[in-house]
Amino acid sequence: MSETDPAGAAWSGPRRYRWDTPEFGRVANLSDGVFAIALTLLVLTLDVPDVSGTDLTGALLAEGQQAALFALSFILVANIWWVHHRFFALLGELESGLIALNLGILGLVALVPFPTSLVGQHLTAPAAVVPFIAVFLTITLLLSLALVRARHVNAWREPLPPGLFAWFLGGWVVYAAGIATALVVAFRWPVAALVILAVSGPLHAIVLGRIAPRAYRHWAP
């Protein structure tokens, strides 16, 4: 005997929400809201110097490392938003597994301002830099799992060209490996680890742009 809902319809498994339904839109809107708040809160990691006007220029120059870290975090979060945006554009529907992974990603994105502020005050401390990098590594891994989940439940809006999924997943895994390298380095050389983190994204994009098939640049999340 099949299970039924209160309306008497047969239960056929986890509920799925098409891209053109309000439920799908609510998840997308929540995601954009969390990214917007996290990007805005990053400015609070910058301290206003408590000095007299005559000493303000020197104090602002001394805040250079916090400004650089703000820029790094902003670029990293903005890049995650772009990947997330492109990924959602590929989806034709959502289901419970994808929604759960998305909530995990959003939770970590919302957390970013805290480790950013921590590193701004303790730039050379592994105890500050390691959690900062670990947050971005975990986000990247969750995005990779979301990609795998989307394929598993066939959630694509349109069928992907043959072989393209392997390029998607391979690209994200390589990027995650770069962040993991920065994480390992951070235990010994925190500043060098931040440099690796900063260059891994652009380097990854340049290499993939040269070796990936043309369809990758059109479809890539």
N, C-alpha and C. Protein backbone atom coordinates (compact mmCIF):
# COMPACT_ATOMS: atom_id res chain seq x y z
N MET A 1 0.85 -1.19 0.00
CA MET A 1 0.00 0.00 0.00
C MET A 1 0.88 1.25 0.00
N SER A 2 0.67 2.16 -0.93
CA SER A 2 1.51 3.35 -1.04
C SER A 2 1.11 4.38 -0.03
N GLU A 3 2.12 5.20 0.42
CA GLU A 3 1.85 6.28 1.34
C GLU A 3 1.16 7.42 0.60
N THR A 4 0.34 8.16 1.31
CA THR A 4 -0.35 9.28 0.70
C THR A 4 -0.18 10.52 1.54
N ASP A 5 -0.30 11.69 0.92
CA ASP A 5 -0.27 12.93 1.66
C ASP A 5 -1.70 13.29 2.06
N PRO A 6 -1.91 14.37 2.82
CA PRO A 6 -3.26 14.71 3.27
C PRO A 6 -4.26 14.88 2.13
N ALA A 7 -3.79 15.23 0.95
CA ALA A 7 -4.71 15.41 -0.17
C ALA A 7 -5.04 14.11 -0.87
N GLY A 8 -4.38 13.04 -0.43
CA GLY A 8 -4.67 11.73 -0.99
C GLY A 8 -3.78 11.35 -2.15
N ALA A 9 -2.77 12.15 -2.48
CA ALA A 9 -1.88 11.82 -3.59
C ALA A 9 -0.86 10.79 -3.16
N ALA A 10 -0.49 9.91 -4.04
CA ALA A 10 0.48 8.86 -3.72
C ALA A 10 1.84 9.47 -3.48
N TRP A 11 2.54 8.97 -2.49
CA TRP A 11 3.88 9.46 -2.17
C TRP A 11 4.87 8.75 -3.08
N SER A 12 5.70 9.50 -3.77
CA SER A 12 6.60 8.91 -4.76
C SER A 12 8.06 9.24 -4.50
N GLY A 13 8.41 9.67 -3.28
CA GLY A 13 9.79 9.98 -2.96
C GLY A 13 9.97 11.43 -2.58
N PRO A 14 11.22 11.86 -2.40
CA PRO A 14 11.49 13.25 -2.00
C PRO A 14 10.88 14.25 -2.97
N ARG A 15 10.36 15.32 -2.42
CA ARG A 15 9.74 16.37 -3.25
C ARG A 15 10.82 17.11 -4.04
N ARG A 16 10.52 17.43 -5.28
CA ARG A 16 11.44 18.15 -6.15
C ARG A 16 10.77 19.44 -6.60
N TYR A 17 11.57 20.51 -6.68
CA TYR A 17 11.04 21.82 -7.01
C TYR A 17 11.66 22.31 -8.31
N ARG A 18 10.83 22.50 -9.32
CA ARG A 18 11.30 22.98 -10.62
C ARG A 18 11.83 24.40 -10.54
N TRP A 19 12.69 24.75 -11.51
CA TRP A 19 13.35 26.06 -11.51
C TRP A 19 12.35 27.22 -11.61
N ASP A 20 11.15 26.97 -12.12
CA ASP A 20 10.19 28.05 -12.30
C ASP A 20 9.13 28.08 -11.20
N THR A 21 9.39 27.41 -10.06
CA THR A 21 8.44 27.41 -8.95
C THR A 21 8.89 28.41 -7.88
N PRO A 22 7.95 28.89 -7.05
CA PRO A 22 8.32 29.80 -5.96
C PRO A 22 9.31 29.17 -4.98
N GLU A 23 9.23 27.86 -4.76
CA GLU A 23 10.12 27.19 -3.83
C GLU A 23 11.57 27.27 -4.29
N PHE A 24 11.81 27.06 -5.57
CA PHE A 24 13.16 27.19 -6.13
C PHE A 24 13.64 28.64 -5.97
N GLY A 25 12.76 29.59 -6.26
CA GLY A 25 13.11 30.99 -6.15
C GLY A 25 13.45 31.39 -4.73
N ARG A 26 12.76 30.81 -3.75
CA ARG A 26 13.05 31.14 -2.35
C ARG A 26 14.46 30.70 -1.97
N VAL A 27 14.87 29.53 -2.43
CA VAL A 27 16.22 29.04 -2.12
C VAL A 27 17.26 29.94 -2.79
N ALA A 28 17.02 30.31 -4.04
CA ALA A 28 17.96 31.19 -4.75
C ALA A 28 18.04 32.57 -4.09
N ASN A 29 16.88 33.10 -3.69
CA ASN A 29 16.86 34.42 -3.05
C ASN A 29 17.55 34.39 -1.69
N LEU A 30 17.32 33.32 -0.92
CA LEU A 30 18.01 33.19 0.36
C LEU A 30 19.52 33.15 0.15
N SER A 31 19.95 32.42 -0.85
CA SER A 31 21.38 32.31 -1.14
C SER A 31 21.97 33.67 -1.47
N ASP A 32 21.34 34.41 -2.36
CA ASP A 32 21.85 35.74 -2.72
C ASP A 32 21.87 36.67 -1.51
N GLY A 33 20.87 36.55 -0.64
CA GLY A 33 20.82 37.39 0.55
C GLY A 33 21.98 37.12 1.49
N VAL A 34 22.29 35.84 1.70
CA VAL A 34 23.40 35.47 2.58
C VAL A 34 24.72 35.97 2.00
N PHE A 35 24.93 35.79 0.71
CA PHE A 35 26.16 36.28 0.08
C PHE A 35 26.26 37.80 0.22
N ALA A 36 25.15 38.51 0.00
CA ALA A 36 25.17 39.97 0.09
C ALA A 36 25.51 40.43 1.50
N ILE A 37 24.94 39.78 2.50
CA ILE A 37 25.21 40.16 3.90
C ILE A 37 26.66 39.87 4.26
N ALA A 38 27.17 38.70 3.85
CA ALA A 38 28.55 38.34 4.16
C ALA A 38 29.52 39.32 3.52
N LEU A 39 29.27 39.69 2.26
CA LEU A 39 30.15 40.65 1.59
C LEU A 39 30.11 42.01 2.27
N THR A 40 28.92 42.39 2.73
CA THR A 40 28.79 43.69 3.41
C THR A 40 29.48 43.68 4.77
N LEU A 41 29.33 42.57 5.51
CA LEU A 41 29.92 42.50 6.85
C LEU A 41 31.44 42.47 6.82
N LEU A 42 32.02 42.14 5.68
CA LEU A 42 33.48 42.12 5.60
C LEU A 42 34.08 43.49 5.88
N VAL A 43 33.33 44.55 5.59
CA VAL A 43 33.87 45.89 5.84
C VAL A 43 34.08 46.13 7.32
N LEU A 44 33.36 45.39 8.16
CA LEU A 44 33.52 45.56 9.60
C LEU A 44 34.84 44.98 10.10
N THR A 45 35.54 44.24 9.24
CA THR A 45 36.86 43.73 9.63
C THR A 45 37.92 44.83 9.56
N LEU A 46 37.56 45.98 9.00
CA LEU A 46 38.49 47.13 8.93
C LEU A 46 38.26 48.02 10.14
N ASP A 47 39.32 48.35 10.85
CA ASP A 47 39.23 49.19 12.04
C ASP A 47 39.47 50.65 11.69
N VAL A 48 38.71 51.53 12.32
CA VAL A 48 38.95 52.96 12.18
C VAL A 48 40.06 53.35 13.16
N PRO A 49 41.18 53.91 12.68
CA PRO A 49 42.30 54.25 13.57
C PRO A 49 41.89 55.27 14.64
N ASP A 50 42.24 55.00 15.86
CA ASP A 50 41.93 55.91 16.97
C ASP A 50 43.15 56.80 17.23
N VAL A 51 43.37 57.74 16.29
CA VAL A 51 44.54 58.62 16.38
C VAL A 51 44.09 60.03 16.04
N SER A 52 44.97 60.98 16.29
CA SER A 52 44.69 62.37 15.93
C SER A 52 44.81 62.55 14.43
N GLY A 53 44.27 63.66 13.95
CA GLY A 53 44.28 63.91 12.52
C GLY A 53 45.67 63.96 11.93
N THR A 54 46.64 64.45 12.67
CA THR A 54 48.00 64.58 12.15
C THR A 54 48.67 63.23 11.96
N ASP A 55 48.19 62.22 12.70
CA ASP A 55 48.78 60.88 12.60
C ASP A 55 47.94 59.94 11.74
N LEU A 56 46.88 60.47 11.14
CA LEU A 56 45.93 59.60 10.44
C LEU A 56 46.55 58.92 9.23
N THR A 57 47.36 59.64 8.45
CA THR A 57 47.94 59.05 7.25
C THR A 57 48.80 57.84 7.59
N GLY A 58 49.66 57.98 8.59
CA GLY A 58 50.50 56.86 8.99
C GLY A 58 49.69 55.70 9.52
N ALA A 59 48.62 56.01 10.28
CA ALA A 59 47.78 54.96 10.82
C ALA A 59 47.06 54.20 9.73
N LEU A 60 46.60 54.91 8.69
CA LEU A 60 45.91 54.25 7.58
C LEU A 60 46.87 53.35 6.81
N LEU A 61 48.10 53.82 6.63
CA LEU A 61 49.09 52.98 5.96
C LEU A 61 49.38 51.72 6.76
N ALA A 62 49.35 51.86 8.10
CA ALA A 62 49.60 50.70 8.96
C ALA A 62 48.47 49.69 8.87
N GLU A 63 47.29 50.13 8.42
CA GLU A 63 46.14 49.24 8.29
C GLU A 63 46.16 48.52 6.94
N GLY A 64 47.27 48.63 6.22
CA GLY A 64 47.34 48.06 4.89
C GLY A 64 47.06 46.57 4.83
N GLN A 65 47.57 45.81 5.82
CA GLN A 65 47.37 44.37 5.78
C GLN A 65 45.90 44.01 5.97
N GLN A 66 45.18 44.78 6.81
CA GLN A 66 43.76 44.50 6.97
C GLN A 66 43.00 44.82 5.69
N ALA A 67 43.39 45.89 5.01
CA ALA A 67 42.73 46.24 3.75
C ALA A 67 42.99 45.17 2.69
N ALA A 68 44.23 44.66 2.65
CA ALA A 68 44.56 43.60 1.69
C ALA A 68 43.77 42.33 1.99
N LEU A 69 43.62 42.02 3.26
CA LEU A 69 42.87 40.83 3.64
C LEU A 69 41.39 40.99 3.32
N PHE A 70 40.86 42.21 3.54
CA PHE A 70 39.48 42.50 3.16
C PHE A 70 39.30 42.25 1.66
N ALA A 71 40.23 42.75 0.85
CA ALA A 71 40.14 42.58 -0.59
C ALA A 71 40.19 41.10 -0.97
N LEU A 72 41.08 40.34 -0.32
CA LEU A 72 41.20 38.91 -0.61
C LEU A 72 39.91 38.19 -0.28
N SER A 73 39.36 38.44 0.92
CA SER A 73 38.12 37.78 1.32
C SER A 73 36.97 38.16 0.41
N PHE A 74 36.89 39.44 0.06
CA PHE A 74 35.81 39.90 -0.82
C PHE A 74 35.88 39.19 -2.17
N ILE A 75 37.08 39.11 -2.73
CA ILE A 75 37.25 38.46 -4.04
C ILE A 75 36.90 36.98 -3.95
N LEU A 76 37.34 36.31 -2.88
CA LEU A 76 37.06 34.89 -2.73
C LEU A 76 35.57 34.62 -2.59
N VAL A 77 34.89 35.42 -1.76
CA VAL A 77 33.45 35.23 -1.57
C VAL A 77 32.69 35.58 -2.85
N ALA A 78 33.12 36.66 -3.52
CA ALA A 78 32.47 37.04 -4.77
C ALA A 78 32.64 35.94 -5.82
N ASN A 79 33.81 35.30 -5.86
CA ASN A 79 34.03 34.20 -6.80
C ASN A 79 33.13 33.01 -6.47
N ILE A 80 32.97 32.73 -5.17
CA ILE A 80 32.07 31.64 -4.76
C ILE A 80 30.64 31.97 -5.18
N TRP A 81 30.24 33.25 -5.01
CA TRP A 81 28.89 33.63 -5.44
C TRP A 81 28.73 33.41 -6.93
N TRP A 82 29.73 33.77 -7.72
CA TRP A 82 29.64 33.61 -9.17
C TRP A 82 29.49 32.14 -9.54
N VAL A 83 30.31 31.28 -8.93
CA VAL A 83 30.22 29.84 -9.19
C VAL A 83 28.84 29.32 -8.78
N HIS A 84 28.38 29.75 -7.60
CA HIS A 84 27.06 29.35 -7.09
C HIS A 84 25.96 29.82 -8.06
N HIS A 85 26.05 31.05 -8.53
CA HIS A 85 25.08 31.61 -9.46
C HIS A 85 25.04 30.80 -10.75
N ARG A 86 26.21 30.50 -11.30
CA ARG A 86 26.27 29.72 -12.54
C ARG A 86 25.77 28.30 -12.33
N PHE A 87 26.06 27.73 -11.17
CA PHE A 87 25.58 26.38 -10.87
C PHE A 87 24.06 26.35 -10.83
N PHE A 88 23.46 27.32 -10.15
CA PHE A 88 21.99 27.37 -10.08
C PHE A 88 21.38 27.58 -11.47
N ALA A 89 22.10 28.28 -12.35
CA ALA A 89 21.59 28.49 -13.70
C ALA A 89 21.53 27.18 -14.48
N LEU A 90 22.35 26.19 -14.09
CA LEU A 90 22.33 24.89 -14.76
C LEU A 90 21.24 23.98 -14.23
N LEU A 91 20.71 24.30 -13.05
CA LEU A 91 19.74 23.40 -12.40
C LEU A 91 18.33 23.61 -12.94
N GLY A 92 17.66 22.48 -13.17
CA GLY A 92 16.26 22.55 -13.56
C GLY A 92 15.33 22.32 -12.40
N GLU A 93 15.90 21.81 -11.29
CA GLU A 93 15.10 21.55 -10.10
C GLU A 93 16.00 21.38 -8.88
N LEU A 94 15.38 21.48 -7.72
CA LEU A 94 16.06 21.25 -6.45
C LEU A 94 15.36 20.13 -5.70
N GLU A 95 16.13 19.45 -4.86
CA GLU A 95 15.54 18.44 -3.97
C GLU A 95 16.28 18.51 -2.64
N SER A 96 15.89 17.68 -1.69
CA SER A 96 16.36 17.83 -0.31
C SER A 96 17.88 17.77 -0.18
N GLY A 97 18.54 16.89 -0.92
CA GLY A 97 19.99 16.78 -0.83
C GLY A 97 20.69 18.04 -1.29
N LEU A 98 20.26 18.59 -2.41
CA LEU A 98 20.86 19.82 -2.92
C LEU A 98 20.58 21.00 -1.99
N ILE A 99 19.37 21.04 -1.43
CA ILE A 99 19.04 22.12 -0.51
C ILE A 99 19.90 22.04 0.75
N ALA A 100 20.13 20.83 1.26
CA ALA A 100 20.95 20.65 2.46
C ALA A 100 22.40 21.08 2.20
N LEU A 101 22.95 20.68 1.05
CA LEU A 101 24.31 21.09 0.71
C LEU A 101 24.39 22.60 0.54
N ASN A 102 23.36 23.19 -0.05
CA ASN A 102 23.34 24.64 -0.23
C ASN A 102 23.32 25.36 1.11
N LEU A 103 22.56 24.84 2.07
CA LEU A 103 22.53 25.46 3.39
C LEU A 103 23.89 25.36 4.07
N GLY A 104 24.59 24.25 3.88
CA GLY A 104 25.94 24.13 4.43
C GLY A 104 26.87 25.17 3.84
N ILE A 105 26.78 25.38 2.53
CA ILE A 105 27.60 26.40 1.87
C ILE A 105 27.28 27.78 2.42
N LEU A 106 25.99 28.09 2.56
CA LEU A 106 25.58 29.41 3.05
C LEU A 106 26.04 29.64 4.49
N GLY A 107 25.99 28.59 5.31
CA GLY A 107 26.46 28.73 6.69
C GLY A 107 27.92 29.11 6.76
N LEU A 108 28.73 28.51 5.90
CA LEU A 108 30.16 28.82 5.90
C LEU A 108 30.43 30.20 5.30
N VAL A 109 29.66 30.58 4.28
CA VAL A 109 29.81 31.92 3.71
C VAL A 109 29.50 32.97 4.77
N ALA A 110 28.45 32.75 5.54
CA ALA A 110 28.08 33.70 6.60
C ALA A 110 29.17 33.79 7.66
N LEU A 111 29.97 32.73 7.81
CA LEU A 111 31.02 32.69 8.82
C LEU A 111 32.28 33.44 8.41
N VAL A 112 32.46 33.67 7.10
CA VAL A 112 33.72 34.22 6.57
C VAL A 112 34.20 35.49 7.28
N PRO A 113 33.32 36.47 7.60
CA PRO A 113 33.83 37.69 8.23
C PRO A 113 34.58 37.44 9.55
N PHE A 114 34.20 36.40 10.30
CA PHE A 114 34.89 36.16 11.58
C PHE A 114 36.35 35.73 11.39
N PRO A 115 36.65 34.67 10.61
CA PRO A 115 38.07 34.34 10.43
C PRO A 115 38.84 35.42 9.69
N THR A 116 38.15 36.21 8.85
CA THR A 116 38.82 37.32 8.19
C THR A 116 39.31 38.34 9.21
N SER A 117 38.45 38.69 10.16
CA SER A 117 38.83 39.62 11.23
C SER A 117 39.95 39.04 12.08
N LEU A 118 39.89 37.73 12.33
CA LEU A 118 40.90 37.06 13.15
C LEU A 118 42.27 37.14 12.49
N VAL A 119 42.32 36.86 11.19
CA VAL A 119 43.60 36.92 10.47
C VAL A 119 44.10 38.36 10.39
N GLY A 120 43.18 39.32 10.27
CA GLY A 120 43.59 40.72 10.22
C GLY A 120 44.34 41.16 11.45
N GLN A 121 44.03 40.55 12.59
CA GLN A 121 44.70 40.92 13.84
C GLN A 121 45.87 40.00 14.17
N HIS A 122 45.92 38.82 13.54
CA HIS A 122 47.00 37.85 13.85
C HIS A 122 47.49 37.22 12.54
N LEU A 123 48.06 38.04 11.69
CA LEU A 123 48.41 37.61 10.35
C LEU A 123 49.41 36.46 10.32
N THR A 124 50.31 36.42 11.27
CA THR A 124 51.37 35.41 11.24
C THR A 124 51.08 34.22 12.17
N ALA A 125 49.86 34.13 12.69
CA ALA A 125 49.52 33.05 13.62
C ALA A 125 48.81 31.93 12.87
N PRO A 126 49.37 30.71 12.86
CA PRO A 126 48.69 29.59 12.21
C PRO A 126 47.28 29.36 12.76
N ALA A 127 47.08 29.60 14.06
CA ALA A 127 45.77 29.38 14.67
C ALA A 127 44.71 30.29 14.07
N ALA A 128 45.11 31.40 13.45
CA ALA A 128 44.16 32.29 12.79
C ALA A 128 44.03 31.98 11.30
N VAL A 129 45.16 31.72 10.64
CA VAL A 129 45.16 31.52 9.19
C VAL A 129 44.57 30.16 8.80
N VAL A 130 44.86 29.14 9.59
CA VAL A 130 44.35 27.79 9.26
C VAL A 130 42.82 27.76 9.19
N PRO A 131 42.09 28.26 10.20
CA PRO A 131 40.63 28.26 10.08
C PRO A 131 40.12 29.09 8.90
N PHE A 132 40.78 30.20 8.61
CA PHE A 132 40.39 31.05 7.48
C PHE A 132 40.43 30.26 6.18
N ILE A 133 41.54 29.58 5.93
CA ILE A 133 41.68 28.80 4.70
C ILE A 133 40.76 27.58 4.73
N ALA A 134 40.59 26.97 5.91
CA ALA A 134 39.75 25.78 6.03
C ALA A 134 38.31 26.08 5.64
N VAL A 135 37.82 27.27 5.95
CA VAL A 135 36.45 27.65 5.58
C VAL A 135 36.29 27.62 4.06
N PHE A 136 37.24 28.20 3.33
CA PHE A 136 37.13 28.24 1.88
C PHE A 136 37.33 26.85 1.26
N LEU A 137 38.18 26.04 1.87
CA LEU A 137 38.34 24.67 1.37
C LEU A 137 37.05 23.89 1.54
N THR A 138 36.41 24.01 2.69
CA THR A 138 35.17 23.28 2.93
C THR A 138 34.06 23.74 1.99
N ILE A 139 33.98 25.04 1.74
CA ILE A 139 32.99 25.55 0.79
C ILE A 139 33.21 24.94 -0.59
N THR A 140 34.46 24.89 -1.03
CA THR A 140 34.78 24.33 -2.34
C THR A 140 34.41 22.85 -2.41
N LEU A 141 34.67 22.11 -1.35
CA LEU A 141 34.31 20.69 -1.32
C LEU A 141 32.80 20.51 -1.35
N LEU A 142 32.06 21.36 -0.62
CA LEU A 142 30.60 21.26 -0.64
C LEU A 142 30.04 21.60 -2.02
N LEU A 143 30.65 22.58 -2.70
CA LEU A 143 30.23 22.88 -4.06
C LEU A 143 30.47 21.69 -4.98
N SER A 144 31.59 21.00 -4.78
CA SER A 144 31.87 19.81 -5.58
C SER A 144 30.85 18.71 -5.30
N LEU A 145 30.49 18.53 -4.02
CA LEU A 145 29.48 17.53 -3.67
C LEU A 145 28.12 17.89 -4.26
N ALA A 146 27.81 19.19 -4.29
CA ALA A 146 26.55 19.63 -4.89
C ALA A 146 26.53 19.30 -6.38
N LEU A 147 27.66 19.46 -7.03
CA LEU A 147 27.76 19.11 -8.45
C LEU A 147 27.51 17.62 -8.65
N VAL A 148 28.14 16.79 -7.81
CA VAL A 148 27.94 15.34 -7.89
C VAL A 148 26.49 14.98 -7.61
N ARG A 149 25.90 15.62 -6.60
CA ARG A 149 24.51 15.35 -6.24
C ARG A 149 23.57 15.71 -7.40
N ALA A 150 23.83 16.86 -8.04
CA ALA A 150 22.99 17.27 -9.16
C ALA A 150 23.02 16.24 -10.28
N ARG A 151 24.19 15.68 -10.52
CA ARG A 151 24.26 14.64 -11.55
C ARG A 151 23.55 13.37 -11.10
N HIS A 152 23.72 13.02 -9.82
CA HIS A 152 23.12 11.79 -9.30
C HIS A 152 21.59 11.81 -9.41
N VAL A 153 20.99 12.97 -9.12
CA VAL A 153 19.52 13.06 -9.16
C VAL A 153 19.03 13.64 -10.49
N ASN A 154 19.96 13.84 -11.44
CA ASN A 154 19.62 14.37 -12.76
C ASN A 154 18.82 15.66 -12.64
N ALA A 155 19.40 16.65 -11.98
CA ALA A 155 18.71 17.91 -11.71
C ALA A 155 19.00 18.98 -12.75
N TRP A 156 19.69 18.64 -13.84
CA TRP A 156 20.07 19.65 -14.83
C TRP A 156 18.85 20.18 -15.57
N ARG A 157 18.90 21.46 -15.91
CA ARG A 157 17.84 22.07 -16.71
C ARG A 157 17.90 21.57 -18.14
N GLU A 158 19.12 21.42 -18.66
CA GLU A 158 19.35 20.85 -19.98
C GLU A 158 20.44 19.79 -19.86
N PRO A 159 20.39 18.75 -20.69
CA PRO A 159 21.45 17.74 -20.65
C PRO A 159 22.82 18.37 -20.92
N LEU A 160 23.81 17.99 -20.11
CA LEU A 160 25.16 18.50 -20.34
C LEU A 160 25.79 17.81 -21.54
N PRO A 161 26.61 18.51 -22.32
CA PRO A 161 27.33 17.87 -23.41
C PRO A 161 28.19 16.72 -22.88
N PRO A 162 28.39 15.67 -23.66
CA PRO A 162 29.17 14.51 -23.23
C PRO A 162 30.57 14.91 -22.75
N GLY A 163 30.96 14.36 -21.62
CA GLY A 163 32.31 14.58 -21.09
C GLY A 163 32.49 15.86 -20.31
N LEU A 164 31.49 16.72 -20.32
CA LEU A 164 31.67 18.03 -19.69
C LEU A 164 31.64 17.93 -18.16
N PHE A 165 30.85 16.99 -17.64
CA PHE A 165 30.78 16.86 -16.19
C PHE A 165 32.16 16.54 -15.61
N ALA A 166 32.93 15.70 -16.29
CA ALA A 166 34.27 15.36 -15.81
C ALA A 166 35.16 16.59 -15.75
N TRP A 167 35.01 17.50 -16.71
CA TRP A 167 35.78 18.75 -16.67
C TRP A 167 35.34 19.62 -15.50
N PHE A 168 34.03 19.70 -15.26
CA PHE A 168 33.52 20.47 -14.13
C PHE A 168 34.11 19.96 -12.82
N LEU A 169 33.91 18.67 -12.59
CA LEU A 169 34.34 18.09 -11.32
C LEU A 169 35.86 18.12 -11.19
N GLY A 170 36.56 17.80 -12.27
CA GLY A 170 38.02 17.83 -12.23
C GLY A 170 38.55 19.22 -11.93
N GLY A 171 37.95 20.24 -12.53
CA GLY A 171 38.37 21.61 -12.28
C GLY A 171 38.19 22.01 -10.83
N TRP A 172 37.06 21.64 -10.24
CA TRP A 172 36.80 21.99 -8.85
C TRP A 172 37.71 21.23 -7.90
N VAL A 173 37.99 19.96 -8.23
CA VAL A 173 38.88 19.16 -7.39
C VAL A 173 40.30 19.73 -7.42
N VAL A 174 40.75 20.14 -8.61
CA VAL A 174 42.09 20.74 -8.72
C VAL A 174 42.16 22.03 -7.92
N TYR A 175 41.11 22.85 -8.00
CA TYR A 175 41.07 24.10 -7.23
C TYR A 175 41.09 23.79 -5.73
N ALA A 176 40.32 22.78 -5.32
CA ALA A 176 40.32 22.38 -3.91
C ALA A 176 41.70 21.90 -3.48
N ALA A 177 42.42 21.23 -4.38
CA ALA A 177 43.77 20.76 -4.05
C ALA A 177 44.70 21.94 -3.83
N GLY A 178 44.53 23.01 -4.61
CA GLY A 178 45.34 24.21 -4.40
C GLY A 178 45.08 24.83 -3.04
N ILE A 179 43.80 24.90 -2.65
CA ILE A 179 43.47 25.45 -1.33
C ILE A 179 43.98 24.54 -0.22
N ALA A 180 43.90 23.22 -0.44
CA ALA A 180 44.41 22.27 0.55
C ALA A 180 45.92 22.44 0.73
N THR A 181 46.63 22.71 -0.36
CA THR A 181 48.06 22.98 -0.26
C THR A 181 48.32 24.20 0.61
N ALA A 182 47.52 25.26 0.39
CA ALA A 182 47.66 26.47 1.21
C ALA A 182 47.38 26.15 2.68
N LEU A 183 46.41 25.28 2.93
CA LEU A 183 46.07 24.91 4.30
C LEU A 183 47.23 24.21 5.00
N VAL A 184 47.90 23.30 4.29
CA VAL A 184 49.04 22.59 4.87
C VAL A 184 50.19 23.56 5.14
N VAL A 185 50.45 24.45 4.18
CA VAL A 185 51.53 25.42 4.33
C VAL A 185 51.26 26.35 5.51
N ALA A 186 49.98 26.64 5.77
CA ALA A 186 49.61 27.59 6.82
C ALA A 186 50.07 27.16 8.20
N PHE A 187 50.24 25.88 8.42
CA PHE A 187 50.69 25.41 9.73
C PHE A 187 52.13 25.84 10.02
N ARG A 188 52.90 26.12 8.96
CA ARG A 188 54.30 26.51 9.14
C ARG A 188 54.56 27.95 8.69
N TRP A 189 54.00 28.33 7.55
CA TRP A 189 54.23 29.67 6.98
C TRP A 189 52.89 30.31 6.64
N PRO A 190 52.23 30.92 7.60
CA PRO A 190 50.88 31.46 7.38
C PRO A 190 50.79 32.49 6.25
N VAL A 191 51.75 33.42 6.16
CA VAL A 191 51.68 34.45 5.14
C VAL A 191 51.84 33.83 3.76
N ALA A 192 52.76 32.90 3.62
CA ALA A 192 52.95 32.22 2.33
C ALA A 192 51.68 31.47 1.93
N ALA A 193 50.99 30.90 2.91
CA ALA A 193 49.75 30.18 2.64
C ALA A 193 48.68 31.12 2.08
N LEU A 194 48.62 32.34 2.60
CA LEU A 194 47.65 33.32 2.09
C LEU A 194 47.98 33.72 0.65
N VAL A 195 49.26 33.79 0.34
CA VAL A 195 49.67 34.10 -1.03
C VAL A 195 49.24 32.98 -1.97
N ILE A 196 49.45 31.73 -1.54
CA ILE A 196 49.03 30.58 -2.36
C ILE A 196 47.52 30.61 -2.57
N LEU A 197 46.79 30.91 -1.51
CA LEU A 197 45.33 31.00 -1.62
C LEU A 197 44.93 32.08 -2.61
N ALA A 198 45.62 33.21 -2.58
CA ALA A 198 45.27 34.34 -3.45
C ALA A 198 45.52 34.03 -4.93
N VAL A 199 46.59 33.29 -5.23
CA VAL A 199 46.95 33.06 -6.63
C VAL A 199 46.34 31.78 -7.19
N SER A 200 45.86 30.89 -6.33
CA SER A 200 45.36 29.60 -6.83
C SER A 200 44.13 29.77 -7.71
N GLY A 201 43.23 30.71 -7.36
CA GLY A 201 42.04 30.92 -8.17
C GLY A 201 42.34 31.44 -9.56
N PRO A 202 43.06 32.57 -9.69
CA PRO A 202 43.40 33.06 -11.03
C PRO A 202 44.21 32.06 -11.85
N LEU A 203 45.17 31.37 -11.20
CA LEU A 203 45.98 30.39 -11.92
C LEU A 203 45.10 29.25 -12.44
N HIS A 204 44.17 28.79 -11.60
CA HIS A 204 43.25 27.73 -11.98
C HIS A 204 42.41 28.16 -13.18
N ALA A 205 41.91 29.39 -13.16
CA ALA A 205 41.07 29.89 -14.25
C ALA A 205 41.87 30.00 -15.55
N ILE A 206 43.11 30.47 -15.47
CA ILE A 206 43.93 30.64 -16.66
C ILE A 206 44.24 29.29 -17.30
N VAL A 207 44.64 28.32 -16.49
CA VAL A 207 45.01 27.00 -17.01
C VAL A 207 43.79 26.32 -17.65
N LEU A 208 42.66 26.32 -16.93
CA LEU A 208 41.47 25.69 -17.48
C LEU A 208 41.00 26.39 -18.75
N GLY A 209 41.14 27.72 -18.77
CA GLY A 209 40.74 28.45 -19.96
C GLY A 209 41.53 28.06 -21.19
N ARG A 210 42.76 27.58 -20.98
CA ARG A 210 43.62 27.19 -22.10
C ARG A 210 43.43 25.74 -22.52
N ILE A 211 43.19 24.85 -21.55
CA ILE A 211 43.18 23.42 -21.89
C ILE A 211 41.79 22.81 -21.99
N ALA A 212 40.77 23.45 -21.41
CA ALA A 212 39.43 22.89 -21.43
C ALA A 212 38.79 23.07 -22.81
N PRO A 213 37.86 22.19 -23.16
CA PRO A 213 37.16 22.36 -24.45
C PRO A 213 36.34 23.64 -24.46
N ARG A 214 36.00 24.12 -25.65
CA ARG A 214 35.28 25.38 -25.79
C ARG A 214 33.95 25.35 -25.05
N ALA A 215 33.30 24.20 -25.04
CA ALA A 215 31.99 24.09 -24.37
C ALA A 215 32.11 24.36 -22.87
N TYR A 216 33.29 24.09 -22.29
CA TYR A 216 33.47 24.32 -20.86
C TYR A 216 33.28 25.79 -20.51
N ARG A 217 33.83 26.68 -21.34
CA ARG A 217 33.73 28.11 -21.05
C ARG A 217 32.29 28.61 -21.14
N HIS A 218 31.48 27.93 -21.94
CA HIS A 218 30.08 28.33 -22.07
C HIS A 218 29.22 27.79 -20.93
N TRP A 219 29.50 26.56 -20.51
CA TRP A 219 28.65 25.89 -19.52
C TRP A 219 29.18 25.99 -18.10
N ALA A 220 30.47 26.25 -17.94
CA ALA A 220 31.10 26.09 -16.63
C ALA A 220 30.42 26.95 -15.56
N PRO A 221 30.13 26.33 -14.37
CA PRO A 221 29.61 27.10 -13.24
C PRO A 221 30.73 27.86 -12.57
